[in-house]
């Protein structure tokens, strides 16, 4: 894969124990790659013809099928681990801009709809979507992660708010950060009680830790 065109943007080894293969995403060509760890050989999957939209993230499910998020459209794609067949699914919101996310234990893909100002979820087993608009417009969620309690977390790329969603009720809790942060990748530590939220401050050369206190949904808390 050597060459000036290759820009490995995302490596997803979470399902490699299933078949010995690792999914990657090439931001130089907007293609999806798969590495066979035993042979060291790459496969290249091209979901789109040139010009291609921005294939931004690739995330495996429990069977190591590769799911990819397409920032340049409203697409969530699936590459079958056994056959290599590619299937495209459309979010309910047009031009939603799926960006980054994670697969939970039930093979539900959670992701930020960066252009749609929503949290999205694609149930890979039923092939159905759900969406939750953010309570304060202008957040532009970038990444999403789920915690051990079934809550879902994201951050506003442009409004410096951390959001916690209860998917069952649809209610959000908002945490307003004390300074400009430009939230990107988000992480939850499930070993603590309550869980602890972590994010890097892209504008402040620091790391932010948020220890949530239970509060009525929709309220702001400063940490």
Protein backbone atom coordinates (compact mmCIF):
# COMPACT_ATOMS: atom_id res chain seq x y z
CA UNK A 1 0.00 0.00 0.00
CA UNK A 2 2.99 2.31 -0.27
CA UNK A 3 2.32 5.48 -2.22
CA UNK A 4 1.67 9.20 -1.77
CA UNK A 5 -2.05 8.68 -2.25
CA UNK A 6 -2.49 6.47 0.83
CA UNK A 7 -3.66 8.16 4.03
CA UNK A 8 -4.68 5.62 6.66
CA UNK A 9 -7.20 7.50 8.76
CA UNK A 10 -8.84 4.76 10.80
CA UNK A 11 -7.78 1.26 11.90
CA UNK A 12 -10.43 -1.05 13.38
CA UNK A 13 -9.03 -4.33 14.77
CA UNK A 14 -11.93 -5.02 17.16
CA UNK A 15 -13.22 -7.98 15.12
CA UNK A 16 -9.87 -9.42 14.10
CA UNK A 17 -10.27 -12.34 16.52
CA UNK A 18 -13.15 -13.60 14.35
CA UNK A 19 -11.25 -14.17 11.10
CA UNK A 20 -7.78 -12.67 11.51
CA UNK A 21 -8.58 -9.58 9.45
CA UNK A 22 -8.41 -5.86 10.24
CA UNK A 23 -10.50 -3.09 8.63
CA UNK A 24 -8.92 0.24 7.66
CA UNK A 25 -10.05 3.38 5.88
CA UNK A 26 -7.95 5.24 3.31
CA UNK A 27 -8.63 8.98 3.41
CA UNK A 28 -6.46 9.46 0.34
CA UNK A 29 -8.80 7.57 -1.97
CA UNK A 30 -11.97 7.23 0.18
CA UNK A 31 -11.81 3.46 -0.11
CA UNK A 32 -12.07 0.77 2.57
CA UNK A 33 -9.18 -1.65 3.12
CA UNK A 34 -8.92 -5.02 4.83
CA UNK A 35 -5.66 -6.52 6.01
CA UNK A 36 -5.18 -10.28 6.33
CA UNK A 37 -2.87 -10.60 9.33
CA UNK A 38 -1.64 -14.07 8.33
CA UNK A 39 -0.59 -13.21 4.78
CA UNK A 40 0.04 -9.48 5.20
CA UNK A 41 -2.03 -8.80 2.07
CA UNK A 42 -4.56 -6.00 1.63
CA UNK A 43 -7.94 -6.05 -0.07
CA UNK A 44 -9.37 -2.82 -1.46
CA UNK A 45 -13.11 -2.18 -1.48
CA UNK A 46 -14.49 0.69 -3.56
CA UNK A 47 -18.08 1.47 -2.50
CA UNK A 48 -18.24 4.44 -4.90
CA UNK A 49 -16.99 5.46 -8.30
CA UNK A 50 -14.84 8.58 -8.75
CA UNK A 51 -15.54 11.25 -7.58
CA UNK A 52 -16.10 9.54 -4.25
CA UNK A 53 -17.77 10.99 -1.14
CA UNK A 54 -15.77 11.15 2.08
CA UNK A 55 -15.77 7.64 3.56
CA UNK A 56 -14.78 8.67 7.07
CA UNK A 57 -14.93 5.75 9.50
CA UNK A 58 -15.02 1.94 9.38
CA UNK A 59 -16.37 -0.12 12.29
CA UNK A 60 -16.73 -3.93 12.55
CA UNK A 61 -19.67 -5.79 14.02
CA UNK A 62 -19.49 -9.01 16.07
CA UNK A 63 -18.94 -11.10 12.91
CA UNK A 64 -16.30 -8.68 11.60
CA UNK A 65 -18.49 -7.34 8.82
CA UNK A 66 -17.18 -3.87 7.99
CA UNK A 67 -19.55 -0.91 8.41
CA UNK A 68 -18.47 2.46 7.08
CA UNK A 69 -19.75 6.00 7.67
CA UNK A 70 -19.82 8.52 4.84
CA UNK A 71 -19.44 12.15 5.86
CA UNK A 72 -20.03 13.34 2.30
CA UNK A 73 -23.57 11.95 2.12
CA UNK A 74 -26.22 10.28 4.29
CA UNK A 75 -24.83 6.78 3.83
CA UNK A 76 -23.99 3.93 6.16
CA UNK A 77 -22.38 1.06 4.26
CA UNK A 78 -21.86 -2.63 4.97
CA UNK A 79 -19.19 -4.92 3.55
CA UNK A 80 -19.97 -8.60 4.06
CA UNK A 81 -16.98 -10.27 5.71
CA UNK A 82 -17.44 -13.51 3.78
CA UNK A 83 -18.59 -12.43 0.32
CA UNK A 84 -17.28 -8.87 0.07
CA UNK A 85 -20.73 -7.69 -1.03
CA UNK A 86 -21.29 -3.96 -0.42
CA UNK A 87 -24.69 -2.61 0.61
CA UNK A 88 -25.57 1.05 1.22
CA UNK A 89 -28.22 2.27 3.68
CA UNK A 90 -29.59 5.83 3.77
CA UNK A 91 -30.24 7.72 7.01
CA UNK A 92 -33.72 9.28 7.36
CA UNK A 93 -32.10 12.75 7.32
CA UNK A 94 -30.75 13.75 3.92
CA UNK A 95 -27.08 14.83 3.84
CA UNK A 96 -26.78 13.93 7.51
CA UNK A 97 -23.01 13.42 7.30
CA UNK A 98 -22.36 10.27 9.38
CA UNK A 99 -18.86 10.81 10.78
CA UNK A 100 -17.58 8.63 13.65
CA UNK A 101 -19.08 6.16 16.07
CA UNK A 102 -19.01 2.74 17.69
CA UNK A 103 -20.69 -0.69 17.62
CA UNK A 104 -22.35 -1.78 20.85
CA UNK A 105 -22.76 -5.33 22.19
CA UNK A 106 -26.11 -5.68 20.38
CA UNK A 107 -24.55 -4.84 17.00
CA UNK A 108 -26.13 -1.41 16.96
CA UNK A 109 -24.00 1.20 15.26
CA UNK A 110 -24.07 4.57 17.05
CA UNK A 111 -22.69 7.60 15.20
CA UNK A 112 -22.66 11.36 15.00
CA UNK A 113 -24.66 12.91 12.17
CA UNK A 114 -22.22 15.74 11.83
CA UNK A 115 -24.15 17.72 9.22
CA UNK A 116 -27.60 16.71 10.46
CA UNK A 117 -27.14 17.88 14.09
CA UNK A 118 -28.31 14.49 15.35
CA UNK A 119 -27.24 11.29 17.03
CA UNK A 120 -27.90 8.35 14.73
CA UNK A 121 -28.25 4.64 15.39
CA UNK A 122 -28.35 1.86 12.82
CA UNK A 123 -29.49 -1.54 14.06
CA UNK A 124 -27.39 -3.81 11.87
CA UNK A 125 -29.60 -6.83 12.59
CA UNK A 126 -32.94 -5.27 11.64
CA UNK A 127 -31.39 -2.75 9.20
CA UNK A 128 -33.38 0.10 10.72
CA UNK A 129 -32.34 3.62 11.75
CA UNK A 130 -33.26 5.85 14.66
CA UNK A 131 -32.28 9.50 15.06
CA UNK A 132 -32.29 11.97 17.96
CA UNK A 133 -32.00 15.71 17.16
CA UNK A 134 -29.75 17.53 19.64
CA UNK A 135 -31.58 19.82 22.09
CA UNK A 136 -29.45 22.89 21.30
CA UNK A 137 -29.02 23.50 17.58
CA UNK A 138 -25.55 24.01 16.17
CA UNK A 139 -23.75 21.21 18.04
CA UNK A 140 -22.70 19.16 14.99
CA UNK A 141 -22.01 15.86 16.80
CA UNK A 142 -18.73 14.33 15.63
CA UNK A 143 -18.47 11.02 17.49
CA UNK A 144 -20.77 8.88 19.67
CA UNK A 145 -20.16 6.22 22.31
CA UNK A 146 -22.49 4.15 24.51
CA UNK A 147 -21.91 3.37 28.19
CA UNK A 148 -22.67 0.35 30.39
CA UNK A 149 -25.97 1.88 31.56
CA UNK A 150 -27.41 2.19 28.07
CA UNK A 151 -26.84 5.93 27.86
CA UNK A 152 -25.20 7.43 24.79
CA UNK A 153 -22.64 10.25 24.77
CA UNK A 154 -21.51 12.76 22.19
CA UNK A 155 -20.05 16.25 22.06
CA UNK A 156 -20.81 19.38 20.10
CA UNK A 157 -17.96 20.06 17.72
CA UNK A 158 -18.93 23.74 17.56
CA UNK A 159 -20.86 24.57 20.74
CA UNK A 160 -18.61 23.01 23.44
CA UNK A 161 -21.39 20.99 25.03
CA UNK A 162 -21.21 17.36 26.11
CA UNK A 163 -24.48 15.52 25.55
CA UNK A 164 -25.80 12.44 27.35
CA UNK A 165 -28.81 10.75 25.75
CA UNK A 166 -31.21 8.25 27.28
CA UNK A 167 -32.36 6.48 24.08
CA UNK A 168 -35.42 4.97 25.76
CA UNK A 169 -36.93 8.30 26.82
CA UNK A 170 -35.24 10.44 24.18
CA UNK A 171 -34.15 12.89 26.89
CA UNK A 172 -30.78 14.64 26.87
CA UNK A 173 -28.61 16.10 29.60
CA UNK A 174 -26.28 18.88 28.43
CA UNK A 175 -22.98 19.76 30.10
CA UNK A 176 -21.55 23.12 29.05
CA UNK A 177 -17.76 23.06 29.06
CA UNK A 178 -15.94 26.03 30.64
CA UNK A 179 -13.93 26.95 27.52
CA UNK A 180 -13.65 26.38 23.78
CA UNK A 181 -12.87 22.71 23.12
CA UNK A 182 -13.81 21.65 19.56
CA UNK A 183 -15.01 18.19 20.64
CA UNK A 184 -13.98 15.33 18.35
CA UNK A 185 -13.40 11.73 19.56
CA UNK A 186 -15.24 10.87 22.79
CA UNK A 187 -14.60 8.13 25.36
CA UNK A 188 -16.38 6.68 28.39
CA UNK A 189 -14.69 4.82 31.26
CA UNK A 190 -17.19 2.15 32.35
CA UNK A 191 -15.06 0.99 35.27
CA UNK A 192 -16.17 3.92 37.44
CA UNK A 193 -19.49 4.58 39.17
CA UNK A 194 -20.94 6.72 37.79
CA UNK A 195 -19.20 6.35 34.44
CA UNK A 196 -16.58 8.95 33.55
CA UNK A 197 -16.54 10.81 30.26
CA UNK A 198 -13.25 11.86 28.62
CA UNK A 199 -12.46 14.09 25.67
CA UNK A 200 -9.42 15.89 24.32
CA UNK A 201 -9.45 19.70 24.16
CA UNK A 202 -8.26 20.49 20.64
CA UNK A 203 -8.07 24.21 21.40
CA UNK A 204 -6.53 24.03 24.86
CA UNK A 205 -3.80 21.35 24.77
CA UNK A 206 -5.54 19.53 27.62
CA UNK A 207 -7.74 16.56 28.48
CA UNK A 208 -11.24 17.03 29.88
CA UNK A 209 -12.75 14.63 32.41
CA UNK A 210 -16.45 14.86 33.17
CA UNK A 211 -17.91 13.10 36.20
CA UNK A 212 -21.68 13.38 35.75
CA UNK A 213 -24.17 14.04 38.53
CA UNK A 214 -27.72 12.85 37.99
CA UNK A 215 -29.91 15.80 37.03
CA UNK A 216 -33.16 16.36 35.14
CA UNK A 217 -32.67 15.93 31.41
CA UNK A 218 -32.21 19.10 29.44
CA UNK A 219 -30.33 21.03 32.11
CA UNK A 220 -26.83 22.44 31.80
CA UNK A 221 -24.07 21.62 34.28
CA UNK A 222 -20.57 23.10 34.41
CA UNK A 223 -17.67 20.80 35.29
